Amino acid sequence: MKIIVRGKNIELTEGIESKINKKLNMLDKYFIMSDNVEAKVLIRTYPLGQKIEVTIPTEYVLLRAEVVDQDLYNAIDLVIDKLEGQIRKYKTRLSIPLIPKPFRRYRPRDLYRGCNPALRRPPSRFPLLHR
């Protein structure tokens, strides 16, 4: 997986880039990511805090998360947690076998059509209770 890190209104240091690379490479244990997948990371600074956005377009699904926090390193950890949750959700969706559509439900009154009028009334849902 290729990781592209960009910063707006912030100077990216080696420590920030290495932490992002280390954390995003940990996501490879969930999916087998090919080398042509690009993870795009955008870091911005605002008066209220640091914002980190991560977008990973995979073959099956687009993974995207963003977090705003005062501490950039804490924001990196939180965005990785969000991505792990998304990966877990989509991975379980892919692994669960599809349940066949239920058969068309019959209408009980169709069974009694054409017989004695006294028998046309469908049976009670609760056979032990009398009407």
Protein backbone atom coordinates (compact mmCIF):
# COMPACT_ATOMS: atom_id res chain seq x y z
CA MET A 1 0.00 0.00 0.00
CA LYS A 2 1.33 3.41 -0.97
CA ILE A 3 0.81 6.20 1.53
CA ILE A 4 0.61 9.81 0.38
CA VAL A 5 0.80 12.33 3.23
CA ARG A 6 -0.01 16.00 2.65
CA GLY A 7 -0.19 18.86 5.10
CA LYS A 8 -2.01 22.17 4.91
CA ASN A 9 -0.94 24.98 7.25
CA ILE A 10 1.42 22.56 8.95
CA GLU A 11 4.98 21.42 8.39
CA LEU A 12 5.21 17.64 8.28
CA THR A 13 8.04 16.24 10.35
CA GLU A 14 9.69 12.85 10.11
CA GLY A 15 8.01 11.79 13.37
CA ILE A 16 4.51 12.53 12.03
CA GLU A 17 5.11 10.74 8.75
CA SER A 18 6.72 7.72 10.40
CA LYS A 19 3.83 7.36 12.88
CA ILE A 20 1.27 7.57 10.06
CA ASN A 21 3.18 5.02 7.96
CA LYS A 22 3.57 2.67 10.91
CA LYS A 23 -0.10 2.85 11.88
CA LEU A 24 -1.47 2.50 8.34
CA ASN A 25 0.79 -0.46 7.61
CA MET A 26 -0.82 -2.20 10.59
CA LEU A 27 -4.09 -2.27 8.60
CA ASP A 28 -2.56 -4.79 6.19
CA LYS A 29 -3.31 -7.57 8.69
CA TYR A 30 -7.05 -7.12 8.02
CA PHE A 31 -6.96 -7.06 4.23
CA ILE A 32 -4.41 -8.10 1.69
CA MET A 33 -3.83 -4.70 0.15
CA SER A 34 -2.13 -4.64 -3.21
CA ASP A 35 0.67 -2.25 -4.01
CA ASN A 36 -1.51 -0.16 -6.31
CA VAL A 37 -3.81 0.92 -3.44
CA GLU A 38 -3.02 4.49 -2.38
CA ALA A 39 -3.88 5.74 1.08
CA LYS A 40 -4.27 9.51 1.01
CA VAL A 41 -3.70 11.31 4.29
CA LEU A 42 -4.43 15.02 4.69
CA ILE A 43 -3.46 16.91 7.84
CA ARG A 44 -4.82 20.40 8.51
CA THR A 45 -4.54 22.81 11.37
CA TYR A 46 -7.46 24.86 12.61
CA PRO A 47 -7.77 27.21 15.56
CA LEU A 48 -9.78 24.50 17.36
CA GLY A 49 -7.29 21.69 16.75
CA GLN A 50 -5.64 19.37 14.28
CA LYS A 51 -7.68 17.53 11.67
CA ILE A 52 -6.56 14.35 9.95
CA GLU A 53 -8.42 12.79 7.01
CA VAL A 54 -7.57 9.34 5.66
CA THR A 55 -9.04 7.94 2.43
CA ILE A 56 -8.28 4.41 1.21
CA PRO A 57 -10.01 3.37 -2.03
CA THR A 58 -9.90 -0.44 -2.19
CA GLU A 59 -11.29 -2.83 -4.77
CA TYR A 60 -14.51 -3.46 -2.84
CA VAL A 61 -15.13 -0.43 -0.66
CA LEU A 62 -13.98 3.12 -0.01
CA LEU A 63 -12.62 3.52 3.52
CA ARG A 64 -12.66 7.08 4.84
CA ALA A 65 -12.28 8.57 8.29
CA GLU A 66 -11.59 11.99 9.74
CA VAL A 67 -10.90 13.17 13.27
CA VAL A 68 -10.38 16.58 14.89
CA ASP A 69 -8.36 16.71 18.11
CA GLN A 70 -6.02 19.06 19.94
CA ASP A 71 -3.17 16.56 19.81
CA LEU A 72 -2.14 15.36 16.36
CA TYR A 73 -0.70 12.05 17.58
CA ASN A 74 -3.94 11.30 19.44
CA ALA A 75 -5.91 12.15 16.27
CA ILE A 76 -3.80 9.66 14.30
CA ASP A 77 -4.63 6.91 16.81
CA LEU A 78 -8.35 7.78 16.71
CA VAL A 79 -8.54 7.79 12.92
CA ILE A 80 -6.84 4.37 12.79
CA ASP A 81 -9.40 3.06 15.30
CA LYS A 82 -12.22 4.31 13.05
CA LEU A 83 -10.68 2.67 10.00
CA GLU A 84 -10.24 -0.62 11.86
CA GLY A 85 -13.93 -0.55 12.80
CA GLN A 86 -14.95 0.05 9.19
CA ILE A 87 -12.69 -2.74 7.95
CA ARG A 88 -14.12 -5.15 10.53
CA LYS A 89 -17.66 -4.21 9.53
CA TYR A 90 -17.08 -4.71 5.81
CA LYS A 91 -15.04 -7.86 6.32
CA THR A 92 -17.86 -9.52 8.26
CA ARG A 93 -20.31 -8.44 5.57
CA LEU A 94 -18.19 -10.13 2.94
CA SER A 95 -17.68 -13.30 4.98
CA ILE A 96 -21.34 -13.95 5.91
CA PRO A 97 -23.00 -16.18 3.30
CA LEU A 98 -26.02 -14.75 1.55
CA ILE A 99 -29.32 -15.99 2.94
CA PRO A 100 -31.72 -17.06 0.20
CA LYS A 101 -34.84 -14.96 -0.18
CA PRO A 102 -37.79 -16.41 1.66
CA PHE A 103 -40.37 -18.28 -0.32
CA ARG A 104 -43.53 -16.48 -1.25
CA ARG A 105 -45.95 -16.82 1.60
CA TYR A 106 -49.20 -18.53 0.81
CA ARG A 107 -52.52 -17.03 1.78
CA PRO A 108 -54.53 -19.43 3.94
CA ARG A 109 -57.81 -18.37 2.36
CA ASP A 110 -56.63 -19.76 -0.99
CA LEU A 111 -56.58 -23.22 0.53
CA TYR A 112 -60.27 -23.05 1.47
CA ARG A 113 -61.57 -21.65 -1.82
CA GLY A 114 -64.05 -23.95 -3.51
CA CYS A 115 -64.95 -26.07 -0.46
CA ASN A 116 -67.86 -26.03 1.95
CA PRO A 117 -68.70 -22.43 3.08
CA ALA A 118 -68.46 -23.53 6.68
CA LEU A 119 -64.87 -24.54 6.09
CA ARG A 120 -63.88 -21.34 4.26
CA ARG A 121 -62.99 -19.61 7.49
CA PRO A 122 -59.26 -20.10 8.10
CA PRO A 123 -58.32 -21.86 11.30
CA SER A 124 -57.67 -19.83 14.40
CA ARG A 125 -54.11 -18.79 15.10
CA PHE A 126 -54.63 -20.06 18.60
CA PRO A 127 -56.36 -23.43 18.28
CA LEU A 128 -56.97 -23.83 22.02
CA LEU A 129 -58.93 -20.59 22.25
CA HIS A 130 -62.52 -20.51 20.95
CA ARG A 131 -64.07 -17.50 19.28
